[in-house]
Amino acid sequence: MEPDFWHDKWTKNEIGFHQSKPNALLERHFDKLSLTEGQRVFLPLCGKTLDIGWLLSQGFRVAGSELSEAAITQLFDDLGLTPDIYDVGPLQHFHAKNIDIFVGDIFDLTADMLGRIDGIYDRAALVALPADMRGPYTQHLARITGTAPQLLLCFEYDQTLMSGPPFSIEGLEVTRHYQECYDITLLERSELQGGFKDRIPAEETAWLLEAR
């Protein structure tokens, strides 16, 4: 995916991937990360997800990364927060109480910029990346977060029926990317209500990744 692809999506408000309520799999399985209030959760390629508001309401601190500045401006507006904005290398750092979002290319985000991370919630990153970017992404994510435990959500469907994103990520691929650093547990597999475009059957999967 070229950056212009995602900038164009946000400019045209073509954001069908944005959910109108917190993700049900997040609500059901976030406790598997065994985090306590005040700990810090990283959301890669977070957009303006309502999941962030849910995590804040549960007493967690949130960090995120996102390519689109428009998405993050909308996020802070929706949260009713006015961020302080700093330049950090090639990125912009949007900061308010208990929340830090880094705007720009996630591959420019370093561990020092990000700070301590206690858990990762990936609903929108791995499934958004084409096959040739997934390996570099998963390696980078483990490196900048110190292999923090992760709740990973994926989709599985017949990729010949839809080009993606979101892409189909099967269990064997999750294992291939993460088995070196993590023990991997499938928490849930369920039918995606309505599928994609009301015609493509799909399943959602939730994975727990725990550092070895």
Protein backbone atom coordinates (compact mmCIF):
# COMPACT_ATOMS: atom_id res chain seq x y z
CA MET A 1 0.00 0.00 0.00
CA GLU A 2 1.33 3.38 -0.97
CA PRO A 3 0.65 6.19 1.54
CA ASP A 4 -1.45 8.01 -1.06
CA PHE A 5 -3.91 5.08 -1.03
CA TRP A 6 -4.80 5.68 2.63
CA HIS A 7 -4.66 9.47 2.42
CA ASP A 8 -7.14 9.24 -0.47
CA LYS A 9 -9.44 6.99 1.57
CA TRP A 10 -9.59 9.52 4.41
CA THR A 11 -9.94 12.50 2.06
CA LYS A 12 -12.91 10.85 0.33
CA ASN A 13 -14.29 9.52 3.64
CA GLU A 14 -14.15 6.00 2.23
CA ILE A 15 -13.66 4.47 5.66
CA GLY A 16 -15.89 1.41 5.71
CA PHE A 17 -13.24 -0.15 7.95
CA HIS A 18 -14.19 2.33 10.70
CA GLN A 19 -16.62 0.71 13.14
CA SER A 20 -19.44 2.66 14.78
CA LYS A 21 -18.90 1.04 18.18
CA PRO A 22 -16.04 -0.61 20.07
CA ASN A 23 -15.03 -3.97 18.66
CA ALA A 24 -16.83 -6.92 20.27
CA LEU A 25 -13.75 -9.16 20.14
CA LEU A 26 -11.79 -6.48 21.97
CA GLU A 27 -14.41 -6.34 24.71
CA ARG A 28 -14.53 -10.13 25.03
CA HIS A 29 -10.82 -10.88 24.97
CA PHE A 30 -8.81 -7.86 26.08
CA ASP A 31 -8.56 -9.23 29.61
CA LYS A 32 -6.45 -12.12 28.23
CA LEU A 33 -3.53 -9.67 28.06
CA SER A 34 -3.59 -9.58 31.89
CA LEU A 35 -2.97 -5.84 32.05
CA THR A 36 -3.85 -3.59 34.97
CA GLU A 37 -5.24 -0.06 35.02
CA GLY A 38 -2.67 2.56 34.11
CA GLN A 39 -0.69 0.29 31.83
CA ARG A 40 -0.05 1.40 28.27
CA VAL A 41 -1.55 -0.21 25.15
CA PHE A 42 -0.25 0.32 21.61
CA LEU A 43 -2.61 0.37 18.61
CA PRO A 44 -0.75 0.28 15.27
CA LEU A 45 -2.50 1.98 12.33
CA CYS A 46 -5.25 3.03 14.70
CA GLY A 47 -7.25 5.49 12.60
CA LYS A 48 -9.95 7.14 14.69
CA THR A 49 -11.21 3.88 16.16
CA LEU A 50 -13.70 4.02 19.01
CA ASP A 51 -11.66 1.23 20.58
CA ILE A 52 -9.34 3.94 21.88
CA GLY A 53 -12.14 5.60 23.83
CA TRP A 54 -13.12 2.20 25.24
CA LEU A 55 -9.56 1.49 26.40
CA LEU A 56 -9.31 4.93 28.01
CA SER A 57 -12.64 4.35 29.77
CA GLN A 58 -11.24 1.12 31.23
CA GLY A 59 -8.39 3.05 32.81
CA PHE A 60 -5.61 2.24 30.36
CA ARG A 61 -3.18 4.63 28.73
CA VAL A 62 -3.07 4.49 24.94
CA ALA A 63 -0.38 4.95 22.32
CA GLY A 64 -1.00 4.64 18.61
CA SER A 65 0.41 5.18 15.18
CA GLU A 66 -1.45 6.37 12.11
CA LEU A 67 -0.52 7.57 8.66
CA SER A 68 -3.40 10.05 8.26
CA GLU A 69 -3.31 13.32 10.17
CA ALA A 70 -6.99 13.85 9.24
CA ALA A 71 -7.92 10.63 11.06
CA ILE A 72 -6.13 11.69 14.23
CA THR A 73 -7.59 15.18 14.17
CA GLN A 74 -11.03 13.56 14.03
CA LEU A 75 -10.05 11.14 16.80
CA PHE A 76 -9.15 13.89 19.25
CA ASP A 77 -12.26 15.88 18.28
CA ASP A 78 -14.41 12.81 18.97
CA LEU A 79 -12.69 12.30 22.33
CA GLY A 80 -13.22 15.96 23.22
CA LEU A 81 -9.49 16.46 23.72
CA THR A 82 -7.17 19.20 22.49
CA PRO A 83 -3.75 17.67 21.84
CA ASP A 84 -0.35 19.23 22.13
CA ILE A 85 1.49 18.52 18.88
CA TYR A 86 5.24 18.05 18.60
CA ASP A 87 7.59 17.16 15.77
CA VAL A 88 9.52 13.98 16.60
CA GLY A 89 11.92 13.23 13.78
CA PRO A 90 9.79 12.71 10.66
CA LEU A 91 6.66 12.10 12.76
CA GLN A 92 4.12 14.27 14.54
CA HIS A 93 3.35 13.41 18.16
CA PHE A 94 -0.21 14.22 19.27
CA HIS A 95 -0.37 14.17 23.08
CA ALA A 96 -3.14 14.61 25.62
CA LYS A 97 -3.77 13.08 29.05
CA ASN A 98 -3.20 9.31 28.82
CA ILE A 99 -2.93 9.28 25.02
CA ASP A 100 -0.04 9.61 22.55
CA ILE A 101 -0.52 9.17 18.81
CA PHE A 102 2.36 9.27 16.32
CA VAL A 103 1.36 10.43 12.85
CA GLY A 104 3.42 9.28 9.88
CA ASP A 105 5.05 6.09 8.66
CA ILE A 106 5.05 3.45 11.40
CA PHE A 107 8.47 2.27 10.16
CA ASP A 108 9.87 5.65 11.26
CA LEU A 109 8.62 5.06 14.82
CA THR A 110 11.35 3.89 17.20
CA ALA A 111 11.25 2.28 20.62
CA ASP A 112 12.70 5.45 22.16
CA MET A 113 9.98 7.61 20.61
CA LEU A 114 7.23 5.22 21.61
CA GLY A 115 8.26 4.57 25.20
CA ARG A 116 7.19 1.67 27.38
CA ILE A 117 4.42 -0.52 25.99
CA ASP A 118 2.66 -3.12 28.15
CA GLY A 119 0.32 -4.58 25.54
CA ILE A 120 -0.56 -4.39 21.84
CA TYR A 121 -3.99 -4.40 20.24
CA ASP A 122 -3.80 -4.91 16.46
CA ARG A 123 -7.21 -4.81 14.81
CA ALA A 124 -6.37 -2.85 11.71
CA ALA A 125 -2.66 -3.08 10.89
CA LEU A 126 -1.70 -6.60 9.83
CA VAL A 127 -4.91 -7.03 7.81
CA ALA A 128 -4.29 -3.71 6.04
CA LEU A 129 -0.84 -4.57 4.72
CA PRO A 130 -0.04 -6.44 1.49
CA ALA A 131 1.86 -9.71 1.79
CA ASP A 132 5.32 -8.26 1.13
CA MET A 133 4.98 -5.75 3.99
CA ARG A 134 3.71 -8.09 6.69
CA GLY A 135 7.05 -9.66 7.58
CA PRO A 136 8.88 -6.34 7.95
CA TYR A 137 5.91 -4.95 9.89
CA THR A 138 5.68 -7.79 12.41
CA GLN A 139 9.43 -7.70 13.01
CA HIS A 140 9.36 -3.92 13.48
CA LEU A 141 6.37 -4.15 15.83
CA ALA A 142 8.09 -6.71 18.06
CA ARG A 143 11.24 -4.60 18.10
CA ILE A 144 9.69 -1.26 19.08
CA THR A 145 7.38 -2.76 21.72
CA GLY A 146 9.82 -5.20 23.31
CA THR A 147 7.53 -8.11 22.30
CA ALA A 148 4.71 -6.91 24.52
CA PRO A 149 1.76 -9.32 24.66
CA GLN A 150 -0.66 -8.83 21.84
CA LEU A 151 -4.34 -9.24 21.01
CA LEU A 152 -4.42 -9.68 17.23
CA LEU A 153 -7.63 -9.66 15.19
CA CYS A 154 -7.71 -11.02 11.64
CA PHE A 155 -10.12 -11.97 8.87
CA GLU A 156 -10.23 -15.15 6.81
CA TYR A 157 -12.08 -15.31 3.48
CA ASP A 158 -11.62 -16.36 -0.14
CA GLN A 159 -9.11 -13.78 -1.36
CA THR A 160 -10.11 -14.44 -5.00
CA LEU A 161 -13.49 -12.82 -4.28
CA MET A 162 -12.06 -9.53 -2.99
CA SER A 163 -8.63 -8.01 -3.45
CA GLY A 164 -8.44 -6.34 -0.02
CA PRO A 165 -7.66 -4.54 2.16
CA PRO A 166 -8.61 -5.87 4.59
CA PHE A 167 -6.66 -8.94 3.52
CA SER A 168 -7.27 -12.53 4.52
CA ILE A 169 -4.75 -13.67 7.15
CA GLU A 170 -4.90 -17.38 7.95
CA GLY A 171 -3.54 -19.05 11.05
CA LEU A 172 -0.51 -20.47 9.29
CA GLU A 173 0.53 -16.95 8.33
CA VAL A 174 0.07 -15.65 11.88
CA THR A 175 2.30 -18.51 13.04
CA ARG A 176 4.91 -17.82 10.38
CA HIS A 177 5.25 -14.17 11.34
CA TYR A 178 5.15 -14.50 15.12
CA GLN A 179 6.29 -17.96 16.23
CA GLU A 180 9.91 -16.89 16.73
CA CYS A 181 8.99 -14.42 19.47
CA TYR A 182 5.58 -15.49 20.74
CA ASP A 183 3.48 -18.39 21.95
CA ILE A 184 0.29 -18.17 19.89
CA THR A 185 -3.23 -19.11 21.01
CA LEU A 186 -6.43 -18.91 18.97
CA LEU A 187 -9.02 -17.33 21.26
CA GLU A 188 -12.02 -17.24 18.94
CA ARG A 189 -13.16 -17.91 15.41
CA SER A 190 -16.58 -16.57 14.45
CA GLU A 191 -18.57 -15.76 11.34
CA LEU A 192 -18.43 -12.11 10.28
CA GLN A 193 -22.05 -11.00 10.29
CA GLY A 194 -23.01 -10.13 6.71
CA GLY A 195 -19.53 -10.93 5.42
CA PHE A 196 -17.85 -8.36 3.20
CA LYS A 197 -19.97 -6.29 0.84
CA ASP A 198 -22.98 -8.40 1.92
CA ARG A 199 -21.88 -11.21 -0.36
CA ILE A 200 -18.44 -12.53 0.62
CA PRO A 201 -18.49 -14.99 3.54
CA ALA A 202 -15.76 -14.29 6.07
CA GLU A 203 -14.64 -15.24 9.55
CA GLU A 204 -13.04 -13.14 12.26
CA THR A 205 -10.28 -14.59 14.39
CA ALA A 206 -8.82 -13.39 17.67
CA TRP A 207 -5.29 -14.43 18.64
CA LEU A 208 -3.35 -14.06 21.87
CA LEU A 209 0.40 -13.62 21.43
CA GLU A 210 2.53 -14.03 24.55
CA ALA A 211 6.30 -13.47 24.52
CA ARG A 212 8.39 -16.62 24.83
